[in-house]
Amino acid sequence: MTTIRVRKNGPYRVEGDDVKVLDWDGNEYTTERRPIALCRCGASTTKPFCDGTHSKIGFVAVEGAVGPEAQDKPAQPR
């Protein structure tokens, strides 16, 4: 089973034994490291992987899991 955990103000942490990360052409990134941490701040120098830059730039995420009751409501304009 593969699990993706959203780390607060950090990367997407991908846990599982049979995980592949593919680029837009279908080429597989090679990585021996597990779990895999995928960049969410956009500032990593090793994209798509996290290099810890989020903590240096003060990345603050705004999203969280949305429960079923909120999914039925229309989106509010920003």
PDB file of N, CA and C in Angstrom:
ATOM      1  N   MET A   1       0.840  -1.178   0.000  1.00  0.00           N
ATOM      2  CA  MET A   1       0.000   0.000   0.000  1.00  0.00           C
ATOM      3  C   MET A   1       0.883   1.239   0.000  1.00  0.00           C
ATOM      4  N   THR A   2       0.467   2.228  -0.741  1.00  0.00           N
ATOM      5  CA  THR A   2       1.178   3.496  -0.796  1.00  0.00           C
ATOM      6  C   THR A   2       0.383   4.543  -0.038  1.00  0.00           C
ATOM      7  N   THR A   3       1.079   5.330   0.766  1.00  0.00           N
ATOM      8  CA  THR A   3       0.447   6.396   1.535  1.00  0.00           C
ATOM      9  C   THR A   3       1.182   7.693   1.248  1.00  0.00           C
ATOM     10  N   ILE A   4       0.419   8.770   1.023  1.00  0.00           N
ATOM     11  CA  ILE A   4       1.001  10.093   0.849  1.00  0.00           C
ATOM     12  C   ILE A   4       0.552  10.942   2.023  1.00  0.00           C
ATOM     13  N   ARG A   5       1.518  11.408   2.775  1.00  0.00           N
ATOM     14  CA  ARG A   5       1.229  12.264   3.933  1.00  0.00           C
ATOM     15  C   ARG A   5       1.657  13.681   3.599  1.00  0.00           C
ATOM     16  N   VAL A   6       0.766  14.621   3.859  1.00  0.00           N
ATOM     17  CA  VAL A   6       1.090  16.023   3.675  1.00  0.00           C
ATOM     18  C   VAL A   6       1.708  16.507   4.978  1.00  0.00           C
ATOM     19  N   ARG A   7       2.959  16.875   4.954  1.00  0.00           N
ATOM     20  CA  ARG A   7       3.643  17.355   6.151  1.00  0.00           C
ATOM     21  C   ARG A   7       3.327  18.836   6.328  1.00  0.00           C
ATOM     22  N   LYS A   8       3.011  19.240   7.537  1.00  0.00           N
ATOM     23  CA  LYS A   8       2.674  20.632   7.791  1.00  0.00           C
ATOM     24  C   LYS A   8       3.856  21.513   7.399  1.00  0.00           C
ATOM     25  N   ASN A   9       3.604  22.417   6.457  1.00  0.00           N
ATOM     26  CA  ASN A   9       4.615  23.345   5.953  1.00  0.00           C
ATOM     27  C   ASN A   9       5.858  22.630   5.417  1.00  0.00           C
ATOM     28  N   GLY A  10       5.665  21.417   4.937  1.00  0.00           N
ATOM     29  CA  GLY A  10       6.783  20.642   4.405  1.00  0.00           C
ATOM     30  C   GLY A  10       6.376  19.875   3.165  1.00  0.00           C
ATOM     31  N   PRO A  11       7.130  18.839   2.851  1.00  0.00           N
ATOM     32  CA  PRO A  11       6.907  18.104   1.602  1.00  0.00           C
ATOM     33  C   PRO A  11       5.751  17.110   1.684  1.00  0.00           C
ATOM     34  N   TYR A  12       5.435  16.539   0.530  1.00  0.00           N
ATOM     35  CA  TYR A  12       4.569  15.373   0.471  1.00  0.00           C
ATOM     36  C   TYR A  12       5.470  14.178   0.763  1.00  0.00           C
ATOM     37  N   ARG A  13       5.137  13.399   1.764  1.00  0.00           N
ATOM     38  CA  ARG A  13       5.932  12.217   2.130  1.00  0.00           C
ATOM     39  C   ARG A  13       5.236  10.992   1.561  1.00  0.00           C
ATOM     40  N   VAL A  14       5.907  10.307   0.647  1.00  0.00           N
ATOM     41  CA  VAL A  14       5.336   9.156  -0.047  1.00  0.00           C
ATOM     42  C   VAL A  14       5.944   7.895   0.550  1.00  0.00           C
ATOM     43  N   GLU A  15       5.099   7.071   1.156  1.00  0.00           N
ATOM     44  CA  GLU A  15       5.547   5.853   1.822  1.00  0.00           C
ATOM     45  C   GLU A  15       4.980   4.643   1.099  1.00  0.00           C
ATOM     46  N   GLY A  16       5.812   3.660   0.878  1.00  0.00           N
ATOM     47  CA  GLY A  16       5.373   2.434   0.229  1.00  0.00           C
ATOM     48  C   GLY A  16       6.550   1.767  -0.461  1.00  0.00           C
ATOM     49  N   ASP A  17       6.404   0.491  -0.721  1.00  0.00           N
ATOM     50  CA  ASP A  17       7.500  -0.262  -1.324  1.00  0.00           C
ATOM     51  C   ASP A  17       7.501  -0.197  -2.848  1.00  0.00           C
ATOM     52  N   ASP A  18       6.337  -0.053  -3.443  1.00  0.00           N
ATOM     53  CA  ASP A  18       6.232  -0.097  -4.895  1.00  0.00           C
ATOM     54  C   ASP A  18       5.823   1.276  -5.424  1.00  0.00           C
ATOM     55  N   VAL A  19       6.682   2.263  -5.237  1.00  0.00           N
ATOM     56  CA  VAL A  19       6.393   3.641  -5.640  1.00  0.00           C
ATOM     57  C   VAL A  19       7.334   4.025  -6.767  1.00  0.00           C
ATOM     58  N   LYS A  20       6.777   4.597  -7.823  1.00  0.00           N
ATOM     59  CA  LYS A  20       7.579   5.132  -8.922  1.00  0.00           C
ATOM     60  C   LYS A  20       7.252   6.611  -9.044  1.00  0.00           C
ATOM     61  N   VAL A  21       8.272   7.416  -9.307  1.00  0.00           N
ATOM     62  CA  VAL A  21       8.082   8.823  -9.620  1.00  0.00           C
ATOM     63  C   VAL A  21       8.488   8.993 -11.072  1.00  0.00           C
ATOM     64  N   LEU A  22       7.543   9.451 -11.885  1.00  0.00           N
ATOM     65  CA  LEU A  22       7.765   9.590 -13.320  1.00  0.00           C
ATOM     66  C   LEU A  22       7.707  11.055 -13.719  1.00  0.00           C
ATOM     67  N   ASP A  23       8.532  11.444 -14.708  1.00  0.00           N
ATOM     68  CA  ASP A  23       8.436  12.803 -15.238  1.00  0.00           C
ATOM     69  C   ASP A  23       7.317  12.855 -16.279  1.00  0.00           C
ATOM     70  N   TRP A  24       7.116  14.011 -16.882  1.00  0.00           N
ATOM     71  CA  TRP A  24       6.004  14.197 -17.817  1.00  0.00           C
ATOM     72  C   TRP A  24       6.131  13.359 -19.080  1.00  0.00           C
ATOM     73  N   ASP A  25       7.319  12.839 -19.367  1.00  0.00           N
ATOM     74  CA  ASP A  25       7.507  11.960 -20.524  1.00  0.00           C
ATOM     75  C   ASP A  25       7.435  10.488 -20.155  1.00  0.00           C
ATOM     76  N   GLY A  26       7.185  10.204 -18.870  1.00  0.00           N
ATOM     77  CA  GLY A  26       7.093   8.825 -18.422  1.00  0.00           C
ATOM     78  C   GLY A  26       8.413   8.219 -17.992  1.00  0.00           C
ATOM     79  N   ASN A  27       9.463   9.039 -17.954  1.00  0.00           N
ATOM     80  CA  ASN A  27      10.779   8.553 -17.510  1.00  0.00           C
ATOM     81  C   ASN A  27      10.801   8.481 -15.989  1.00  0.00           C
ATOM     82  N   GLU A  28      11.333   7.385 -15.487  1.00  0.00           N
ATOM     83  CA  GLU A  28      11.345   7.181 -14.044  1.00  0.00           C
ATOM     84  C   GLU A  28      12.574   7.825 -13.402  1.00  0.00           C
ATOM     85  N   TYR A  29      12.333   8.562 -12.314  1.00  0.00           N
ATOM     86  CA  TYR A  29      13.430   9.062 -11.493  1.00  0.00           C
ATOM     87  C   TYR A  29      13.953   7.883 -10.681  1.00  0.00           C
ATOM     88  N   THR A  30      15.247   7.781 -10.539  1.00  0.00           N
ATOM     89  CA  THR A  30      15.804   6.714  -9.715  1.00  0.00           C
ATOM     90  C   THR A  30      16.137   7.271  -8.342  1.00  0.00           C
ATOM     91  N   THR A  31      15.671   6.585  -7.329  1.00  0.00           N
ATOM     92  CA  THR A  31      15.984   6.959  -5.960  1.00  0.00           C
ATOM     93  C   THR A  31      15.938   5.712  -5.094  1.00  0.00           C
ATOM     94  N   GLU A  32      16.930   5.553  -4.305  1.00  0.00           N
ATOM     95  CA  GLU A  32      16.997   4.420  -3.373  1.00  0.00           C
ATOM     96  C   GLU A  32      16.382   4.802  -2.028  1.00  0.00           C
ATOM     97  N   ARG A  33      16.240   6.082  -1.801  1.00  0.00           N
ATOM     98  CA  ARG A  33      15.793   6.585  -0.506  1.00  0.00           C
ATOM     99  C   ARG A  33      14.302   6.345  -0.300  1.00  0.00           C
ATOM    100  N   ARG A  34      13.944   5.864   0.869  1.00  0.00           N
ATOM    101  CA  ARG A  34      12.553   5.667   1.269  1.00  0.00           C
ATOM    102  C   ARG A  34      12.367   6.194   2.669  1.00  0.00           C
ATOM    103  N   PRO A  35      11.324   6.845   3.016  1.00  0.00           N
ATOM    104  CA  PRO A  35      10.258   7.283   2.121  1.00  0.00           C
ATOM    105  C   PRO A  35      10.740   8.394   1.189  1.00  0.00           C
ATOM    106  N   ILE A  36       9.941   8.664   0.182  1.00  0.00           N
ATOM    107  CA  ILE A  36      10.250   9.710  -0.783  1.00  0.00           C
ATOM    108  C   ILE A  36       9.591  10.997  -0.300  1.00  0.00           C
ATOM    109  N   ALA A  37      10.318  12.097  -0.352  1.00  0.00           N
ATOM    110  CA  ALA A  37       9.761  13.403   0.004  1.00  0.00           C
ATOM    111  C   ALA A  37       9.709  14.251  -1.256  1.00  0.00           C
ATOM    112  N   LEU A  38       8.501  14.649  -1.651  1.00  0.00           N
ATOM    113  CA  LEU A  38       8.314  15.458  -2.855  1.00  0.00           C
ATOM    114  C   LEU A  38       8.117  16.920  -2.475  1.00  0.00           C
ATOM    115  N   CYS A  39       8.797  17.798  -3.196  1.00  0.00           N
ATOM    116  CA  CYS A  39       8.754  19.234  -2.925  1.00  0.00           C
ATOM    117  C   CYS A  39       7.336  19.779  -3.084  1.00  0.00           C
ATOM    118  N   ARG A  40       6.950  20.625  -2.147  1.00  0.00           N
ATOM    119  CA  ARG A  40       5.650  21.283  -2.207  1.00  0.00           C
ATOM    120  C   ARG A  40       5.803  22.797  -2.245  1.00  0.00           C
ATOM    121  N   CYS A  41       6.974  23.309  -1.878  1.00  0.00           N
ATOM    122  CA  CYS A  41       7.159  24.765  -1.822  1.00  0.00           C
ATOM    123  C   CYS A  41       7.577  25.340  -3.170  1.00  0.00           C
ATOM    124  N   GLY A  42       8.114  24.506  -4.048  1.00  0.00           N
ATOM    125  CA  GLY A  42       8.548  24.955  -5.368  1.00  0.00           C
ATOM    126  C   GLY A  42       9.970  25.485  -5.418  1.00  0.00           C
ATOM    127  N   ALA A  43      10.672  25.500  -4.290  1.00  0.00           N
ATOM    128  CA  ALA A  43      12.005  26.099  -4.250  1.00  0.00           C
ATOM    129  C   ALA A  43      13.146  25.090  -4.176  1.00  0.00           C
ATOM    130  N   SER A  44      12.848  23.828  -4.152  1.00  0.00           N
ATOM    131  CA  SER A  44      13.893  22.805  -4.045  1.00  0.00           C
ATOM    132  C   SER A  44      14.813  22.843  -5.261  1.00  0.00           C
ATOM    133  N   THR A  45      16.097  22.607  -5.033  1.00  0.00           N
ATOM    134  CA  THR A  45      17.045  22.515  -6.144  1.00  0.00           C
ATOM    135  C   THR A  45      17.137  21.087  -6.668  1.00  0.00           C
ATOM    136  N   THR A  46      16.405  20.162  -6.035  1.00  0.00           N
ATOM    137  CA  THR A  46      16.409  18.759  -6.460  1.00  0.00           C
ATOM    138  C   THR A  46      15.008  18.302  -6.856  1.00  0.00           C
ATOM    139  N   LYS A  47      14.194  19.222  -7.402  1.00  0.00           N
ATOM    140  CA  LYS A  47      12.834  18.876  -7.791  1.00  0.00           C
ATOM    141  C   LYS A  47      12.824  17.653  -8.684  1.00  0.00           C
ATOM    142  N   PRO A  48      11.870  16.804  -8.538  1.00  0.00           N
ATOM    143  CA  PRO A  48      10.655  16.950  -7.753  1.00  0.00           C
ATOM    144  C   PRO A  48      10.831  16.595  -6.279  1.00  0.00           C
ATOM    145  N   PHE A  49      12.068  16.284  -5.886  1.00  0.00           N
ATOM    146  CA  PHE A  49      12.308  15.856  -4.513  1.00  0.00           C
ATOM    147  C   PHE A  49      12.590  17.050  -3.606  1.00  0.00           C
ATOM    148  N   CYS A  50      12.272  16.887  -2.359  1.00  0.00           N
ATOM    149  CA  CYS A  50      12.488  17.928  -1.352  1.00  0.00           C
ATOM    150  C   CYS A  50      13.953  17.947  -0.931  1.00  0.00           C
ATOM    151  N   ASP A  51      14.510  19.143  -0.793  1.00  0.00           N
ATOM    152  CA  ASP A  51      15.878  19.271  -0.281  1.00  0.00           C
ATOM    153  C   ASP A  51      15.925  20.071   1.026  1.00  0.00           C
ATOM    154  N   GLY A  52      14.759  20.337   1.615  1.00  0.00           N
ATOM    155  CA  GLY A  52      14.702  21.059   2.884  1.00  0.00           C
ATOM    156  C   GLY A  52      14.617  22.564   2.754  1.00  0.00           C
ATOM    157  N   THR A  53      14.589  23.081   1.532  1.00  0.00           N
ATOM    158  CA  THR A  53      14.548  24.526   1.325  1.00  0.00           C
ATOM    159  C   THR A  53      13.317  25.163   1.949  1.00  0.00           C
ATOM    160  N   HIS A  54      12.219  24.420   2.044  1.00  0.00           N
ATOM    161  CA  HIS A  54      10.982  24.974   2.608  1.00  0.00           C
ATOM    162  C   HIS A  54      11.210  25.577   3.988  1.00  0.00           C
ATOM    163  N   SER A  55      12.074  24.964   4.784  1.00  0.00           N
ATOM    164  CA  SER A  55      12.325  25.481   6.130  1.00  0.00           C
ATOM    165  C   SER A  55      13.200  26.736   6.098  1.00  0.00           C
ATOM    166  N   LYS A  56      14.024  26.886   5.078  1.00  0.00           N
ATOM    167  CA  LYS A  56      14.894  28.060   4.958  1.00  0.00           C
ATOM    168  C   LYS A  56      14.138  29.285   4.448  1.00  0.00           C
ATOM    169  N   ILE A  57      13.102  29.048   3.622  1.00  0.00           N
ATOM    170  CA  ILE A  57      12.372  30.178   3.036  1.00  0.00           C
ATOM    171  C   ILE A  57      11.099  30.508   3.798  1.00  0.00           C
ATOM    172  N   GLY A  58      10.801  29.738   4.829  1.00  0.00           N
ATOM    173  CA  GLY A  58       9.605  30.007   5.632  1.00  0.00           C
ATOM    174  C   GLY A  58       8.308  29.627   4.941  1.00  0.00           C
ATOM    175  N   PHE A  59       8.337  28.558   4.148  1.00  0.00           N
ATOM    176  CA  PHE A  59       7.132  28.113   3.445  1.00  0.00           C
ATOM    177  C   PHE A  59       6.011  27.824   4.432  1.00  0.00           C
ATOM    178  N   VAL A  60       4.840  28.380   4.144  1.00  0.00           N
ATOM    179  CA  VAL A  60       3.659  28.145   4.971  1.00  0.00           C
ATOM    180  C   VAL A  60       2.540  27.675   4.050  1.00  0.00           C
ATOM    181  N   ALA A  61       2.076  26.463   4.278  1.00  0.00           N
ATOM    182  CA  ALA A  61       0.984  25.906   3.478  1.00  0.00           C
ATOM    183  C   ALA A  61      -0.351  26.404   4.018  1.00  0.00           C
ATOM    184  N   VAL A  62      -1.312  26.561   3.138  1.00  0.00           N
ATOM    185  CA  VAL A  62      -2.621  27.035   3.569  1.00  0.00           C
ATOM    186  C   VAL A  62      -3.682  25.952   3.519  1.00  0.00           C
ATOM    187  N   GLU A  63      -3.417  24.866   2.810  1.00  0.00           N
ATOM    188  CA  GLU A  63      -4.451  23.853   2.646  1.00  0.00           C
ATOM    189  C   GLU A  63      -4.385  22.783   3.726  1.00  0.00           C
ATOM    190  N   GLY A  64      -5.513  22.179   3.945  1.00  0.00           N
ATOM    191  CA  GLY A  64      -5.625  21.042   4.837  1.00  0.00           C
ATOM    192  C   GLY A  64      -6.676  20.121   4.260  1.00  0.00           C
ATOM    193  N   ALA A  65      -6.836  18.974   4.853  1.00  0.00           N
ATOM    194  CA  ALA A  65      -7.842  18.030   4.359  1.00  0.00           C
ATOM    195  C   ALA A  65      -9.229  18.643   4.504  1.00  0.00           C
ATOM    196  N   VAL A  66     -10.044  18.444   3.504  1.00  0.00           N
ATOM    197  CA  VAL A  66     -11.407  18.970   3.501  1.00  0.00           C
ATOM    198  C   VAL A  66     -12.365  17.817   3.740  1.00  0.00           C
ATOM    199  N   GLY A  67     -13.192  17.944   4.767  1.00  0.00           N
ATOM    200  CA  GLY A  67     -14.170  16.900   5.084  1.00  0.00           C
ATOM    201  C   GLY A  67     -15.328  16.897   4.111  1.00  0.00           C
ATOM    202  N   PRO A  68     -16.146  15.856   4.129  1.00  0.00           N
ATOM    203  CA  PRO A  68     -17.261  15.727   3.186  1.00  0.00           C
ATOM    204  C   PRO A  68     -18.234  16.898   3.246  1.00  0.00           C
ATOM    205  N   GLU A  69     -18.463  17.460   4.433  1.00  0.00           N
ATOM    206  CA  GLU A  69     -19.413  18.573   4.543  1.00  0.00           C
ATOM    207  C   GLU A  69     -18.920  19.805   3.799  1.00  0.00           C
ATOM    208  N   ALA A  70     -17.628  20.045   3.758  1.00  0.00           N
ATOM    209  CA  ALA A  70     -17.078  21.205   3.060  1.00  0.00           C
ATOM    210  C   ALA A  70     -16.993  20.964   1.559  1.00  0.00           C
ATOM    211  N   GLN A  71     -16.925  19.712   1.128  1.00  0.00           N
ATOM    212  CA  GLN A  71     -16.806  19.413  -0.294  1.00  0.00           C
ATOM    213  C   GLN A  71     -18.096  19.726  -1.041  1.00  0.00           C
ATOM    214  N   ASP A  72     -19.227  19.761  -0.348  1.00  0.00           N
ATOM    215  CA  ASP A  72     -20.501  20.048  -0.990  1.00  0.00           C
ATOM    216  C   ASP A  72     -20.765  21.551  -1.135  1.00  0.00           C
ATOM    217  N   LYS A  73     -19.983  22.382  -0.468  1.00  0.00           N
ATOM    218  CA  LYS A  73     -20.167  23.824  -0.521  1.00  0.00           C
ATOM    219  C   LYS A  73     -19.429  24.389  -1.728  1.00  0.00           C
ATOM    220  N   PRO A  74     -19.991  25.438  -2.360  1.00  0.00           N
ATOM    221  CA  PRO A  74     -19.285  26.059  -3.482  1.00  0.00           C
ATOM    222  C   PRO A  74     -18.028  26.749  -2.986  1.00  0.00           C
ATOM    223  N   ALA A  75     -17.029  26.810  -3.850  1.00  0.00           N
ATOM    224  CA  ALA A  75     -15.770  27.469  -3.497  1.00  0.00           C
ATOM    225  C   ALA A  75     -16.000  28.961  -3.324  1.00  0.00           C
ATOM    226  N   GLN A  76     -15.338  29.528  -2.348  1.00  0.00           N
ATOM    227  CA  GLN A  76     -15.433  30.963  -2.086  1.00  0.00           C
ATOM    228  C   GLN A  76     -14.353  31.686  -2.890  1.00  0.00           C
ATOM    229  N   PRO A  77     -14.705  32.824  -3.511  1.00  0.00           N
ATOM    230  CA  PRO A  77     -13.688  33.581  -4.234  1.00  0.00           C
ATOM    231  C   PRO A  77     -12.655  34.137  -3.266  1.00  0.00           C
ATOM    232  N   ARG A  78     -11.430  34.268  -3.745  1.00  0.00           N
ATOM    233  CA  ARG A  78     -10.354  34.795  -2.900  1.00  0.00           C
ATOM    234  C   ARG A  78     -10.227  36.274  -3.056  1.00  0.00           C
TER     235      ARG A  78
END
